[in-house]
Amino acid sequence: MMREQSKKAVQVLVQKYAPNADAYTTPGSTYNETQARTDFITPFLEALGWDVRNSKHFPEDQRDVIEEATVEVGPEKLSKKPDYELRVARQRKFFVEAKRPSKAIQTEKDSAFQARRYGFSASMPVSVLTNFEHLAIYDCVPPPSSADDPALCRIELIHYTEYEARF
């Protein structure tokens, strides 16, 4: 996808999201994570150039994106599944953890810890947490703690209304 096409695709997603943003983000909303992934997060990653749906039909080991990849976390080596593993030349680069839009990822500790723990456990420098309403980029070098403030180690927090301008 060319840069201008990609930017236009992001703009279309933002315009699609905006009229219903209040309904999506209302606590208790029935709009769930799977719907957010299908309607906004996967298309957003694709607009940014990631082949989430494997349109090139690469074998598993050559895909750009692995959904529900496995990472071992903690001293117990628990097997966890980040929503997206993004790769370049077969190498993991970062994880993207998705949440439903009604989850306030900008202030919610558990989601930030989860995203940071995935990145830290896989020795990746960053991880991304998004509910499409916001996109947070975390430094995953320092060890995470479930008690950490969600702003700790957060490199960026971007609201969906900034996506086009910051493209």
N, C-alpha and C. Protein backbone atom coordinates (compact mmCIF):
# COMPACT_ATOMS: atom_id res chain seq x y z
N MET A 1 0.86 -1.18 0.00
CA MET A 1 0.00 0.00 0.00
C MET A 1 0.90 1.24 0.00
N MET A 2 0.60 2.17 -0.85
CA MET A 2 1.36 3.41 -0.92
C MET A 2 1.05 4.27 0.30
N ARG A 3 1.97 5.17 0.62
CA ARG A 3 1.83 6.01 1.81
C ARG A 3 0.50 6.77 1.83
N GLU A 4 0.14 7.39 0.73
CA GLU A 4 -1.11 8.17 0.70
C GLU A 4 -2.34 7.26 0.83
N GLN A 5 -2.27 6.07 0.24
CA GLN A 5 -3.37 5.11 0.39
C GLN A 5 -3.49 4.66 1.84
N SER A 6 -2.35 4.44 2.47
CA SER A 6 -2.33 4.02 3.87
C SER A 6 -2.92 5.10 4.76
N LYS A 7 -2.49 6.33 4.52
CA LYS A 7 -3.01 7.45 5.32
C LYS A 7 -4.52 7.60 5.12
N LYS A 8 -4.98 7.42 3.90
CA LYS A 8 -6.42 7.50 3.61
C LYS A 8 -7.17 6.38 4.33
N ALA A 9 -6.59 5.18 4.36
CA ALA A 9 -7.23 4.05 5.05
C ALA A 9 -7.36 4.34 6.54
N VAL A 10 -6.35 4.97 7.12
CA VAL A 10 -6.40 5.36 8.54
C VAL A 10 -7.50 6.40 8.73
N GLN A 11 -7.56 7.37 7.84
CA GLN A 11 -8.58 8.42 7.91
C GLN A 11 -9.99 7.82 7.85
N VAL A 12 -10.19 6.85 6.97
CA VAL A 12 -11.50 6.19 6.85
C VAL A 12 -11.86 5.46 8.14
N LEU A 13 -10.91 4.78 8.75
CA LEU A 13 -11.16 4.09 10.01
C LEU A 13 -11.55 5.07 11.12
N VAL A 14 -10.85 6.18 11.19
CA VAL A 14 -11.15 7.20 12.20
C VAL A 14 -12.55 7.76 11.97
N GLN A 15 -12.89 8.02 10.71
CA GLN A 15 -14.23 8.55 10.40
C GLN A 15 -15.32 7.53 10.69
N LYS A 16 -15.01 6.26 10.55
CA LYS A 16 -15.97 5.19 10.86
C LYS A 16 -16.16 5.06 12.37
N TYR A 17 -15.08 5.25 13.12
CA TYR A 17 -15.12 5.09 14.57
C TYR A 17 -15.79 6.28 15.27
N ALA A 18 -15.47 7.47 14.85
CA ALA A 18 -15.86 8.71 15.54
C ALA A 18 -17.35 8.83 15.87
N PRO A 19 -18.26 8.57 14.94
CA PRO A 19 -19.68 8.76 15.27
C PRO A 19 -20.19 7.86 16.40
N ASN A 20 -19.53 6.73 16.62
CA ASN A 20 -19.98 5.78 17.63
C ASN A 20 -19.02 5.67 18.81
N ALA A 21 -18.04 6.55 18.87
CA ALA A 21 -17.01 6.45 19.91
C ALA A 21 -17.61 6.43 21.32
N ASP A 22 -18.59 7.26 21.58
CA ASP A 22 -19.19 7.29 22.91
C ASP A 22 -19.84 5.94 23.27
N ALA A 23 -20.53 5.35 22.30
CA ALA A 23 -21.18 4.06 22.54
C ALA A 23 -20.13 2.96 22.76
N TYR A 24 -19.04 3.01 22.00
CA TYR A 24 -17.98 2.00 22.14
C TYR A 24 -17.29 2.09 23.50
N THR A 25 -17.11 3.31 24.00
CA THR A 25 -16.30 3.51 25.21
C THR A 25 -17.10 3.57 26.50
N THR A 26 -18.42 3.55 26.41
CA THR A 26 -19.25 3.59 27.60
C THR A 26 -19.01 2.34 28.44
N PRO A 27 -18.71 2.52 29.74
CA PRO A 27 -18.55 1.34 30.60
C PRO A 27 -19.79 0.45 30.51
N GLY A 28 -19.56 -0.83 30.39
CA GLY A 28 -20.67 -1.77 30.26
C GLY A 28 -21.12 -1.97 28.82
N SER A 29 -20.46 -1.30 27.88
CA SER A 29 -20.79 -1.47 26.47
C SER A 29 -20.66 -2.93 26.07
N THR A 30 -21.56 -3.40 25.21
CA THR A 30 -21.49 -4.78 24.73
C THR A 30 -20.52 -4.93 23.55
N TYR A 31 -19.97 -3.82 23.07
CA TYR A 31 -19.00 -3.86 21.97
C TYR A 31 -17.70 -4.44 22.53
N ASN A 32 -17.33 -5.62 22.07
CA ASN A 32 -16.24 -6.34 22.71
C ASN A 32 -14.91 -6.28 21.95
N GLU A 33 -13.91 -6.93 22.51
CA GLU A 33 -12.57 -6.91 21.92
C GLU A 33 -12.53 -7.54 20.53
N THR A 34 -13.22 -8.65 20.35
CA THR A 34 -13.22 -9.30 19.04
C THR A 34 -13.80 -8.38 17.98
N GLN A 35 -14.89 -7.70 18.31
CA GLN A 35 -15.48 -6.75 17.36
C GLN A 35 -14.51 -5.61 17.07
N ALA A 36 -13.85 -5.10 18.09
CA ALA A 36 -12.88 -4.01 17.90
C ALA A 36 -11.73 -4.46 17.01
N ARG A 37 -11.27 -5.68 17.22
CA ARG A 37 -10.19 -6.21 16.38
C ARG A 37 -10.64 -6.32 14.93
N THR A 38 -11.82 -6.87 14.72
CA THR A 38 -12.33 -7.07 13.37
C THR A 38 -12.61 -5.74 12.66
N ASP A 39 -13.27 -4.83 13.36
CA ASP A 39 -13.70 -3.57 12.74
C ASP A 39 -12.61 -2.52 12.63
N PHE A 40 -11.70 -2.48 13.61
CA PHE A 40 -10.76 -1.36 13.66
C PHE A 40 -9.29 -1.74 13.79
N ILE A 41 -8.95 -2.63 14.71
CA ILE A 41 -7.54 -2.86 15.02
C ILE A 41 -6.82 -3.61 13.89
N THR A 42 -7.40 -4.68 13.39
CA THR A 42 -6.78 -5.38 12.26
C THR A 42 -6.69 -4.48 11.04
N PRO A 43 -7.77 -3.79 10.64
CA PRO A 43 -7.65 -2.88 9.50
C PRO A 43 -6.64 -1.75 9.73
N PHE A 44 -6.51 -1.30 10.97
CA PHE A 44 -5.52 -0.26 11.30
C PHE A 44 -4.10 -0.80 11.07
N LEU A 45 -3.83 -2.00 11.57
CA LEU A 45 -2.51 -2.59 11.36
C LEU A 45 -2.24 -2.80 9.86
N GLU A 46 -3.26 -3.21 9.13
CA GLU A 46 -3.11 -3.39 7.69
C GLU A 46 -2.85 -2.06 6.98
N ALA A 47 -3.52 -1.01 7.42
CA ALA A 47 -3.27 0.31 6.83
C ALA A 47 -1.83 0.76 7.08
N LEU A 48 -1.26 0.29 8.18
CA LEU A 48 0.14 0.62 8.50
C LEU A 48 1.12 -0.29 7.78
N GLY A 49 0.60 -1.22 6.97
CA GLY A 49 1.46 -2.05 6.14
C GLY A 49 1.69 -3.47 6.61
N TRP A 50 1.03 -3.88 7.67
CA TRP A 50 1.19 -5.24 8.19
C TRP A 50 0.17 -6.17 7.53
N ASP A 51 0.62 -7.31 7.03
CA ASP A 51 -0.24 -8.29 6.35
C ASP A 51 -0.86 -9.22 7.38
N VAL A 52 -1.82 -8.72 8.13
CA VAL A 52 -2.43 -9.47 9.22
C VAL A 52 -3.14 -10.72 8.70
N ARG A 53 -3.83 -10.61 7.60
CA ARG A 53 -4.62 -11.72 7.06
C ARG A 53 -3.81 -12.66 6.16
N ASN A 54 -2.50 -12.42 6.06
CA ASN A 54 -1.60 -13.26 5.26
C ASN A 54 -2.09 -13.38 3.82
N SER A 55 -2.34 -12.23 3.20
CA SER A 55 -2.84 -12.22 1.82
C SER A 55 -1.83 -12.78 0.82
N LYS A 56 -0.57 -12.84 1.22
CA LYS A 56 0.48 -13.39 0.34
C LYS A 56 0.60 -14.91 0.50
N HIS A 57 -0.16 -15.48 1.41
CA HIS A 57 -0.21 -16.93 1.63
C HIS A 57 1.15 -17.52 2.00
N PHE A 58 1.88 -16.81 2.85
CA PHE A 58 3.17 -17.31 3.32
C PHE A 58 2.95 -18.44 4.31
N PRO A 59 3.91 -19.38 4.38
CA PRO A 59 3.82 -20.39 5.44
C PRO A 59 3.97 -19.72 6.80
N GLU A 60 3.55 -20.41 7.84
CA GLU A 60 3.53 -19.86 9.20
C GLU A 60 4.83 -19.17 9.60
N ASP A 61 5.96 -19.76 9.31
CA ASP A 61 7.24 -19.21 9.76
C ASP A 61 7.67 -17.96 8.99
N GLN A 62 6.95 -17.62 7.91
CA GLN A 62 7.33 -16.44 7.11
C GLN A 62 6.30 -15.32 7.17
N ARG A 63 5.26 -15.49 7.95
CA ARG A 63 4.21 -14.48 8.04
C ARG A 63 4.71 -13.21 8.72
N ASP A 64 4.12 -12.07 8.33
CA ASP A 64 4.42 -10.78 8.97
C ASP A 64 3.78 -10.70 10.35
N VAL A 65 2.62 -11.29 10.47
CA VAL A 65 1.83 -11.18 11.69
C VAL A 65 1.33 -12.56 12.10
N ILE A 66 1.53 -12.87 13.36
CA ILE A 66 0.98 -14.10 13.94
C ILE A 66 -0.06 -13.66 14.97
N GLU A 67 -1.30 -14.07 14.76
CA GLU A 67 -2.33 -13.76 15.75
C GLU A 67 -2.30 -14.86 16.82
N GLU A 68 -2.49 -14.42 18.06
CA GLU A 68 -2.49 -15.34 19.20
C GLU A 68 -1.19 -16.15 19.27
N ALA A 69 -0.07 -15.46 19.06
CA ALA A 69 1.24 -16.10 19.20
C ALA A 69 1.44 -16.51 20.65
N THR A 70 2.44 -17.33 20.91
CA THR A 70 2.69 -17.80 22.27
C THR A 70 3.97 -17.18 22.80
N VAL A 71 3.91 -16.73 24.05
CA VAL A 71 5.09 -16.23 24.75
C VAL A 71 5.04 -16.78 26.18
N GLU A 72 6.19 -17.17 26.68
CA GLU A 72 6.28 -17.65 28.06
C GLU A 72 6.57 -16.47 28.97
N VAL A 73 5.78 -16.32 30.03
CA VAL A 73 5.94 -15.18 30.93
C VAL A 73 6.16 -15.63 32.37
N GLY A 74 6.89 -14.78 33.08
CA GLY A 74 7.11 -15.00 34.50
C GLY A 74 8.03 -16.15 34.80
N PRO A 75 8.43 -16.25 36.07
CA PRO A 75 9.33 -17.34 36.47
C PRO A 75 8.69 -18.72 36.29
N GLU A 76 7.35 -18.74 36.27
CA GLU A 76 6.63 -20.01 36.10
C GLU A 76 6.60 -20.45 34.64
N LYS A 77 7.04 -19.55 33.73
CA LYS A 77 7.03 -19.82 32.28
C LYS A 77 5.61 -20.15 31.80
N LEU A 78 4.65 -19.34 32.26
CA LEU A 78 3.27 -19.51 31.83
C LEU A 78 3.16 -19.20 30.34
N SER A 79 2.41 -19.98 29.63
CA SER A 79 2.21 -19.76 28.20
C SER A 79 1.04 -18.79 28.01
N LYS A 80 1.34 -17.62 27.43
CA LYS A 80 0.33 -16.59 27.20
C LYS A 80 0.26 -16.28 25.71
N LYS A 81 -0.82 -15.62 25.29
CA LYS A 81 -1.05 -15.38 23.88
C LYS A 81 -1.36 -13.92 23.58
N PRO A 82 -0.34 -13.13 23.23
CA PRO A 82 -0.61 -11.76 22.79
C PRO A 82 -1.48 -11.80 21.53
N ASP A 83 -2.29 -10.79 21.33
CA ASP A 83 -3.21 -10.78 20.20
C ASP A 83 -2.50 -10.79 18.85
N TYR A 84 -1.42 -10.01 18.73
CA TYR A 84 -0.67 -9.95 17.48
C TYR A 84 0.83 -9.96 17.79
N GLU A 85 1.57 -10.73 17.02
CA GLU A 85 3.03 -10.69 17.04
C GLU A 85 3.43 -10.16 15.67
N LEU A 86 4.11 -9.02 15.63
CA LEU A 86 4.52 -8.44 14.37
C LEU A 86 5.99 -8.75 14.13
N ARG A 87 6.28 -9.22 12.89
CA ARG A 87 7.62 -9.70 12.58
C ARG A 87 8.14 -9.09 11.30
N VAL A 88 9.46 -9.00 11.22
CA VAL A 88 10.15 -8.58 10.02
C VAL A 88 11.23 -9.62 9.77
N ALA A 89 11.27 -10.17 8.56
CA ALA A 89 12.26 -11.18 8.20
C ALA A 89 12.31 -12.32 9.23
N ARG A 90 11.13 -12.80 9.60
CA ARG A 90 10.97 -13.93 10.52
C ARG A 90 11.36 -13.63 11.97
N GLN A 91 11.68 -12.39 12.27
CA GLN A 91 12.10 -12.02 13.62
C GLN A 91 10.98 -11.24 14.31
N ARG A 92 10.67 -11.65 15.54
CA ARG A 92 9.70 -10.89 16.34
C ARG A 92 10.22 -9.48 16.52
N LYS A 93 9.34 -8.51 16.30
CA LYS A 93 9.72 -7.11 16.54
C LYS A 93 8.96 -6.53 17.73
N PHE A 94 7.65 -6.80 17.80
CA PHE A 94 6.86 -6.37 18.95
C PHE A 94 5.51 -7.05 18.94
N PHE A 95 4.86 -6.97 20.10
CA PHE A 95 3.50 -7.49 20.26
C PHE A 95 2.53 -6.32 20.26
N VAL A 96 1.31 -6.60 19.83
CA VAL A 96 0.20 -5.67 19.97
C VAL A 96 -0.86 -6.40 20.77
N GLU A 97 -1.21 -5.82 21.90
CA GLU A 97 -2.27 -6.38 22.75
C GLU A 97 -3.51 -5.52 22.55
N ALA A 98 -4.62 -6.16 22.20
CA ALA A 98 -5.87 -5.46 21.92
C ALA A 98 -6.83 -5.57 23.10
N LYS A 99 -7.61 -4.53 23.29
CA LYS A 99 -8.66 -4.50 24.32
C LYS A 99 -9.92 -3.90 23.70
N ARG A 100 -11.04 -4.10 24.36
CA ARG A 100 -12.28 -3.48 23.90
C ARG A 100 -12.19 -1.97 24.18
N PRO A 101 -12.86 -1.15 23.37
CA PRO A 101 -12.76 0.30 23.56
C PRO A 101 -13.24 0.81 24.91
N SER A 102 -14.13 0.09 25.57
CA SER A 102 -14.62 0.56 26.88
C SER A 102 -13.60 0.32 27.99
N LYS A 103 -12.52 -0.39 27.71
CA LYS A 103 -11.46 -0.58 28.70
C LYS A 103 -10.54 0.65 28.59
N ALA A 104 -10.44 1.39 29.67
CA ALA A 104 -9.66 2.64 29.70
C ALA A 104 -8.17 2.32 29.83
N ILE A 105 -7.55 1.96 28.72
CA ILE A 105 -6.16 1.52 28.77
C ILE A 105 -5.20 2.61 29.22
N GLN A 106 -5.61 3.85 29.12
CA GLN A 106 -4.74 4.96 29.55
C GLN A 106 -4.59 5.02 31.07
N THR A 107 -5.52 4.41 31.80
CA THR A 107 -5.48 4.46 33.26
C THR A 107 -5.53 3.09 33.92
N GLU A 108 -5.74 2.04 33.17
CA GLU A 108 -5.97 0.70 33.70
C GLU A 108 -4.64 -0.06 33.84
N LYS A 109 -4.31 -0.47 35.05
CA LYS A 109 -3.02 -1.10 35.34
C LYS A 109 -2.84 -2.47 34.69
N ASP A 110 -3.87 -3.32 34.76
CA ASP A 110 -3.72 -4.70 34.31
C ASP A 110 -3.34 -4.80 32.84
N SER A 111 -3.95 -3.99 32.00
CA SER A 111 -3.65 -4.04 30.57
C SER A 111 -2.23 -3.59 30.28
N ALA A 112 -1.79 -2.52 30.95
CA ALA A 112 -0.43 -2.03 30.76
C ALA A 112 0.58 -3.08 31.21
N PHE A 113 0.32 -3.69 32.35
CA PHE A 113 1.20 -4.75 32.85
C PHE A 113 1.26 -5.91 31.87
N GLN A 114 0.12 -6.32 31.35
CA GLN A 114 0.06 -7.43 30.41
C GLN A 114 0.91 -7.14 29.17
N ALA A 115 0.74 -5.97 28.57
CA ALA A 115 1.50 -5.61 27.37
C ALA A 115 3.00 -5.54 27.66
N ARG A 116 3.35 -4.92 28.78
CA ARG A 116 4.77 -4.82 29.14
C ARG A 116 5.38 -6.18 29.45
N ARG A 117 4.62 -7.03 30.11
CA ARG A 117 5.13 -8.35 30.48
C ARG A 117 5.39 -9.20 29.24
N TYR A 118 4.50 -9.11 28.25
CA TYR A 118 4.73 -9.85 27.00
C TYR A 118 6.05 -9.42 26.37
N GLY A 119 6.23 -8.11 26.22
CA GLY A 119 7.46 -7.61 25.60
C GLY A 119 8.70 -7.95 26.40
N PHE A 120 8.63 -7.74 27.71
CA PHE A 120 9.76 -8.03 28.58
C PHE A 120 10.14 -9.51 28.51
N SER A 121 9.15 -10.38 28.57
CA SER A 121 9.40 -11.82 28.57
C SER A 121 10.03 -12.31 27.27
N ALA A 122 9.74 -11.63 26.18
CA ALA A 122 10.29 -12.00 24.87
C ALA A 122 11.54 -11.19 24.52
N SER A 123 12.03 -10.41 25.49
CA SER A 123 13.22 -9.55 25.29
C SER A 123 13.06 -8.58 24.12
N MET A 124 11.87 -8.02 23.99
CA MET A 124 11.61 -7.01 22.97
C MET A 124 11.68 -5.63 23.60
N PRO A 125 12.14 -4.65 22.86
CA PRO A 125 12.26 -3.32 23.46
C PRO A 125 10.93 -2.61 23.68
N VAL A 126 9.92 -2.92 22.86
CA VAL A 126 8.62 -2.25 23.01
C VAL A 126 7.48 -3.22 22.80
N SER A 127 6.32 -2.85 23.32
CA SER A 127 5.04 -3.50 23.04
C SER A 127 3.99 -2.41 22.88
N VAL A 128 2.93 -2.76 22.18
CA VAL A 128 1.84 -1.82 21.92
C VAL A 128 0.57 -2.36 22.57
N LEU A 129 -0.19 -1.46 23.15
CA LEU A 129 -1.48 -1.76 23.73
C LEU A 129 -2.49 -0.84 23.06
N THR A 130 -3.58 -1.39 22.53
CA THR A 130 -4.57 -0.53 21.89
C THR A 130 -5.98 -1.06 22.06
N ASN A 131 -6.90 -0.12 22.12
CA ASN A 131 -8.33 -0.42 22.06
C ASN A 131 -8.95 0.39 20.92
N PHE A 132 -8.13 0.87 20.04
CA PHE A 132 -8.36 1.79 18.93
C PHE A 132 -8.64 3.20 19.43
N GLU A 133 -9.38 3.37 20.48
CA GLU A 133 -9.61 4.71 21.06
C GLU A 133 -8.26 5.33 21.40
N HIS A 134 -7.39 4.53 21.98
CA HIS A 134 -6.02 4.94 22.32
C HIS A 134 -5.04 3.88 21.84
N LEU A 135 -3.84 4.31 21.61
CA LEU A 135 -2.74 3.41 21.29
C LEU A 135 -1.58 3.81 22.20
N ALA A 136 -1.11 2.86 23.00
CA ALA A 136 -0.03 3.12 23.94
C ALA A 136 1.18 2.29 23.53
N ILE A 137 2.34 2.92 23.54
CA ILE A 137 3.60 2.24 23.24
C ILE A 137 4.40 2.20 24.54
N TYR A 138 4.84 1.00 24.90
CA TYR A 138 5.55 0.80 26.16
C TYR A 138 6.99 0.35 25.95
N ASP A 139 7.87 0.91 26.76
CA ASP A 139 9.25 0.45 26.88
C ASP A 139 9.20 -0.84 27.68
N CYS A 140 9.71 -1.92 27.11
CA CYS A 140 9.62 -3.23 27.78
C CYS A 140 10.96 -3.71 28.32
N VAL A 141 11.94 -2.83 28.39
CA VAL A 141 13.24 -3.23 28.93
C VAL A 141 13.18 -3.38 30.45
N PRO A 142 12.63 -2.39 31.19
CA PRO A 142 12.54 -2.57 32.65
C PRO A 142 11.54 -3.66 33.02
N PRO A 143 11.83 -4.44 34.04
CA PRO A 143 10.87 -5.49 34.46
C PRO A 143 9.55 -4.87 34.90
N PRO A 144 8.43 -5.41 34.42
CA PRO A 144 7.12 -4.88 34.82
C PRO A 144 6.65 -5.45 36.15
N SER A 145 5.80 -4.70 36.81
CA SER A 145 5.14 -5.16 38.04
C SER A 145 3.65 -4.86 37.92
N SER A 146 2.83 -5.74 38.43
CA SER A 146 1.38 -5.51 38.37
C SER A 146 0.97 -4.28 39.17
N ALA A 147 1.83 -3.80 40.06
CA ALA A 147 1.53 -2.61 40.85
C ALA A 147 1.92 -1.31 40.14
N ASP A 148 2.61 -1.40 39.01
CA ASP A 148 3.08 -0.21 38.30
C ASP A 148 1.92 0.65 37.81
N ASP A 149 2.12 1.95 37.88
CA ASP A 149 1.18 2.90 37.28
C ASP A 149 1.18 2.66 35.77
N PRO A 150 0.03 2.74 35.11
CA PRO A 150 -0.01 2.46 33.67
C PRO A 150 0.80 3.45 32.83
N ALA A 151 1.14 4.61 33.38
CA ALA A 151 1.97 5.58 32.65
C ALA A 151 3.45 5.25 32.75
N LEU A 152 3.83 4.38 33.70
CA LEU A 152 5.23 4.02 33.85
C LEU A 152 5.71 3.27 32.61
N CYS A 153 6.82 3.71 32.08
CA CYS A 153 7.44 3.11 30.88
C CYS A 153 6.62 3.32 29.61
N ARG A 154 5.60 4.15 29.68
CA ARG A 154 4.82 4.45 28.48
C ARG A 154 5.56 5.51 27.68
N ILE A 155 5.90 5.17 26.46
CA ILE A 155 6.63 6.08 25.58
C ILE A 155 5.68 7.07 24.92
N GLU A 156 4.54 6.58 24.49
CA GLU A 156 3.54 7.40 23.80
C GLU A 156 2.15 6.93 24.17
N LEU A 157 1.21 7.85 24.20
CA LEU A 157 -0.21 7.55 24.30
C LEU A 157 -0.89 8.42 23.25
N ILE A 158 -1.48 7.77 22.26
CA ILE A 158 -2.04 8.48 21.12
C ILE A 158 -3.54 8.23 21.06
N HIS A 159 -4.31 9.30 20.98
CA HIS A 159 -5.76 9.20 20.84
C HIS A 159 -6.10 9.02 19.36
N TYR A 160 -7.19 8.31 19.07
CA TYR A 160 -7.52 8.01 17.68
C TYR A 160 -7.66 9.27 16.81
N THR A 161 -8.05 10.39 17.42
CA THR A 161 -8.19 11.64 16.65
C THR A 161 -6.84 12.19 16.18
N GLU A 162 -5.74 11.65 16.70
CA GLU A 162 -4.40 12.06 16.30
C GLU A 162 -3.78 11.15 15.24
N TYR A 163 -4.39 10.02 14.97
CA TYR A 163 -3.78 9.03 14.07
C TYR A 163 -3.41 9.61 12.70
N GLU A 164 -4.32 10.31 12.09
CA GLU A 164 -4.05 10.84 10.75
C GLU A 164 -2.92 11.88 10.79
N ALA A 165 -3.00 12.80 11.73
CA ALA A 165 -1.98 13.86 11.82
C ALA A 165 -0.61 13.29 12.15
N ARG A 166 -0.57 12.22 12.94
CA ARG A 166 0.72 11.65 13.36
C ARG A 166 1.19 10.54 12.44
N PHE A 167 0.44 10.29 11.36
CA PHE A 167 0.78 9.24 10.43
C PHE A 167 2.19 9.45 9.90
